[in-house]
Structures are given as structure tokens and as C-alpha cells.
Amino acid sequence: MWYEEFVKRMPLKEGHVHIREICDKLREVYGAVELPEEQIPSLKWVHKFNALHTPENQEHLHLAENQLLIRAIQFPKAAGYVSREANCENDPVYLAFEEQVNYLYSNSNVLFLEAEIARGYSRRDLEENTERYNVWKKSCVWYWRETGREVGNIPEWKKIYKD
């Protein structure tokens, strides 16, 4: 899978894999294309609101709505991703993001989880068992439940994350 090269780099020295690197890989592998701003679904009422309220923005950056730059890439049907939104299974799949606040969203659950897995965790996250590391492990479990593909220590983690 496309995210495996990122997983092999875990734990990172610091931070996480930047969304630009993830999007570049998705463009290369699937031919995903950038959506013009006016074509990004739910731009105003979902993505900007969610990006404004990320922990990174709330606790550190304090950016205003007009300082956010929501971008998105759209995937061809041949990529194999399916929209999870009700009555929208045939809608184009996309990945929306805001680089400054680390916001990420997709209308495909599998694509979202793969992107979260690719973002990874740092050595500090692992050593201190941070929220970022726990979210990463939980994403791996959810991904396994959704696809049957194992990433990480699924036998141990599936006991922890039963919800």
C-alpha cells in the first residue's frame, strides 16, 4: 500500500510526516488532482470550522478563518476509494487539508485512516505515550477493522481499543 513507505520511517525524529509529502505520494500513485477552492465540498461550513477548532490552532497558532487555506485533492474512481457519506457512494472521493493547523478530512474512511497512518508519530510520542501516538494506534485498529490489513501491533492494540 502507498502508506507503507511512511510507516517504515516510524518513529520519526520529531513531528509527523507533512501533508504535502502525503499528497505528493497520492498524486503519484493514484493520479489525484488538486481541486479549485470553489469545488471543495463543504468548504465553509465544515472544513474551515473544523480547522479553526483543531488543538494546534486553539492552543498555539490562533489563526482566524481568513488565515486558513483549505486545499483538497480528488481521486479518480480507479483509485478504489468510496465515499462513506450517506447516499453519496458515487460522489468523487477527496482529501481536504489545512497545512498550518494539521487539519485533515476525507469523505472516504479508508483514505482518511491511511493518511492518518502515513502521518505517523515521533520518537517522543512513542516514549511519552502521547495523544498523537494513541490516535495513531487507534487509527491502525480502525483501519484493520475496515480493511483487514494490519499495520503495527494489531493483536495487542485491538484489545485496548475495543470501541
Protein backbone atom coordinates (compact mmCIF):
# COMPACT_ATOMS: atom_id res chain seq x y z
CA MET A 1 0.00 0.00 0.00
CA TRP A 2 1.07 3.58 -0.64
CA TYR A 3 1.46 4.45 3.06
CA GLU A 4 3.94 1.65 3.84
CA GLU A 5 7.00 3.75 2.96
CA PHE A 6 5.90 6.27 5.58
CA VAL A 7 5.25 3.61 8.24
CA LYS A 8 8.77 2.21 7.76
CA ARG A 9 10.15 5.59 8.91
CA MET A 10 8.36 5.45 12.28
CA PRO A 11 9.13 6.65 14.83
CA LEU A 12 10.23 9.94 13.30
CA LYS A 13 12.91 12.02 14.98
CA GLU A 14 10.29 14.69 15.62
CA GLY A 15 6.87 15.83 14.45
CA HIS A 16 4.95 13.94 11.80
CA VAL A 17 5.02 13.46 8.04
CA HIS A 18 3.89 16.68 6.39
CA ILE A 19 0.62 16.57 4.50
CA ARG A 20 2.36 17.92 1.36
CA GLU A 21 4.53 14.79 1.22
CA ILE A 22 1.46 12.58 1.66
CA CYS A 23 -0.44 14.41 -1.09
CA ASP A 24 2.56 14.19 -3.44
CA LYS A 25 2.59 10.41 -2.93
CA LEU A 26 -1.17 10.16 -3.52
CA ARG A 27 -0.87 12.19 -6.72
CA GLU A 28 1.94 9.89 -7.90
CA VAL A 29 0.20 6.62 -7.01
CA TYR A 30 -3.43 7.41 -7.88
CA GLY A 31 -3.35 10.46 -10.12
CA ALA A 32 -5.18 12.56 -7.54
CA VAL A 33 -5.67 16.15 -8.68
CA GLU A 34 -5.95 19.44 -6.81
CA LEU A 35 -9.48 20.79 -6.57
CA PRO A 36 -10.07 24.51 -7.19
CA GLU A 37 -11.23 26.17 -3.96
CA GLU A 38 -14.76 26.71 -5.25
CA GLN A 39 -15.12 22.96 -5.87
CA ILE A 40 -14.06 21.78 -2.41
CA PRO A 41 -17.18 20.22 -0.85
CA SER A 42 -18.38 21.75 2.44
CA LEU A 43 -15.58 24.33 2.43
CA LYS A 44 -17.19 26.99 4.59
CA TRP A 45 -19.40 25.09 6.97
CA VAL A 46 -17.31 22.03 7.73
CA HIS A 47 -13.64 22.31 6.84
CA LYS A 48 -12.99 25.88 7.94
CA PHE A 49 -14.92 25.37 11.17
CA ASN A 50 -13.07 22.13 11.95
CA ALA A 51 -9.67 23.59 11.03
CA LEU A 52 -10.30 26.61 13.26
CA HIS A 53 -11.02 24.29 16.17
CA THR A 54 -8.05 21.93 15.90
CA PRO A 55 -5.91 21.73 19.03
CA GLU A 56 -2.97 23.14 17.06
CA ASN A 57 -4.93 26.28 16.22
CA GLN A 58 -6.79 26.63 19.51
CA GLU A 59 -3.72 26.16 21.71
CA HIS A 60 -0.84 27.52 19.62
CA LEU A 61 -1.49 29.34 16.36
CA HIS A 62 -4.76 31.23 16.98
CA LEU A 63 -5.37 31.76 13.27
CA ALA A 64 -8.54 33.49 12.10
CA GLU A 65 -10.78 31.93 9.46
CA ASN A 66 -9.41 34.22 6.75
CA GLN A 67 -5.87 32.98 7.52
CA LEU A 68 -6.73 29.34 6.78
CA LEU A 69 -6.04 27.85 3.39
CA ILE A 70 -8.16 24.75 2.89
CA ARG A 71 -6.98 22.68 -0.03
CA ALA A 72 -8.15 19.36 -1.39
CA ILE A 73 -7.19 16.64 -3.81
CA GLN A 74 -9.72 14.46 -5.61
CA PHE A 75 -9.27 10.83 -6.58
CA PRO A 76 -10.32 9.04 -9.76
CA LYS A 77 -12.72 6.12 -9.35
CA ALA A 78 -9.89 3.79 -10.41
CA ALA A 79 -8.17 4.55 -7.07
CA GLY A 80 -10.80 2.29 -5.46
CA TYR A 81 -11.88 4.62 -2.64
CA VAL A 82 -15.58 5.02 -1.87
CA SER A 83 -17.39 7.89 -0.16
CA ARG A 84 -18.72 6.99 3.28
CA GLU A 85 -21.29 9.76 3.31
CA ALA A 86 -24.93 8.68 3.21
CA ASN A 87 -26.44 8.48 -0.28
CA CYS A 88 -23.17 9.74 -1.76
CA GLU A 89 -21.38 6.48 -2.51
CA ASN A 90 -20.92 7.56 -6.14
CA ASP A 91 -19.58 11.04 -5.31
CA PRO A 92 -15.93 11.73 -6.05
CA VAL A 93 -13.61 10.95 -3.14
CA TYR A 94 -11.44 13.75 -1.83
CA LEU A 95 -8.93 14.55 0.89
CA ALA A 96 -9.20 18.07 2.35
CA PHE A 97 -6.44 19.59 4.46
CA GLU A 98 -5.04 22.73 6.03
CA GLU A 99 -1.27 22.60 6.45
CA GLN A 100 -0.77 25.20 9.18
CA VAL A 101 -3.11 23.60 11.73
CA ASN A 102 -2.65 19.97 10.62
CA TYR A 103 -6.32 19.55 9.68
CA LEU A 104 -7.21 16.50 7.61
CA TYR A 105 -10.57 15.19 6.35
CA SER A 106 -11.77 12.74 3.73
CA ASN A 107 -15.19 11.56 2.66
CA SER A 108 -13.60 8.09 2.43
CA ASN A 109 -12.99 6.45 5.77
CA VAL A 110 -10.27 4.18 4.37
CA LEU A 111 -8.42 7.10 2.73
CA PHE A 112 -8.66 9.17 5.91
CA LEU A 113 -7.24 6.33 8.02
CA GLU A 114 -4.43 5.67 5.54
CA ALA A 115 -3.48 9.37 5.59
CA GLU A 116 -3.53 9.38 9.41
CA ILE A 117 -1.35 6.28 9.47
CA ALA A 118 1.06 7.85 6.97
CA ARG A 119 1.37 11.00 9.15
CA GLY A 120 2.85 8.80 11.84
CA TYR A 121 4.33 9.63 15.21
CA SER A 122 7.64 10.78 16.67
CA ARG A 123 10.12 9.13 18.98
CA ARG A 124 8.91 11.45 21.77
CA ASP A 125 5.30 10.41 21.07
CA LEU A 126 6.30 6.78 21.49
CA GLU A 127 8.42 7.29 24.60
CA GLU A 128 5.87 9.51 26.35
CA ASN A 129 2.82 7.62 25.05
CA THR A 130 1.32 10.90 23.81
CA GLU A 131 -2.17 11.51 22.49
CA ARG A 132 -0.72 11.59 18.94
CA TYR A 133 0.73 8.09 19.39
CA ASN A 134 -2.54 6.78 20.84
CA VAL A 135 -4.53 8.28 17.96
CA TRP A 136 -2.10 6.66 15.53
CA LYS A 137 -2.53 3.22 17.14
CA LYS A 138 -6.30 3.62 17.22
CA SER A 139 -6.27 4.58 13.52
CA CYS A 140 -4.36 1.37 12.82
CA VAL A 141 -7.01 -0.67 14.65
CA TRP A 142 -9.87 1.08 12.88
CA TYR A 143 -8.10 0.54 9.55
CA TRP A 144 -7.67 -3.16 10.32
CA ARG A 145 -11.38 -3.43 11.18
CA GLU A 146 -12.33 -1.61 7.98
CA THR A 147 -9.98 -3.40 5.57
CA GLY A 148 -8.48 -6.44 7.29
CA ARG A 149 -4.97 -5.02 6.65
CA GLU A 150 -2.63 -4.95 9.63
CA VAL A 151 -0.37 -2.03 10.42
CA GLY A 152 1.59 -2.12 13.67
CA ASN A 153 0.85 -4.34 16.66
CA ILE A 154 -2.81 -5.11 15.95
CA PRO A 155 -3.04 -8.19 18.22
CA GLU A 156 -2.13 -6.06 21.26
CA TRP A 157 -3.88 -2.84 20.24
CA LYS A 158 -7.23 -4.41 19.33
CA LYS A 159 -7.53 -5.48 22.99
CA ILE A 160 -7.01 -1.89 24.10
CA TYR A 161 -9.27 -0.20 21.53
CA LYS A 162 -12.50 -2.16 21.68
CA ASP A 163 -14.91 0.68 20.82
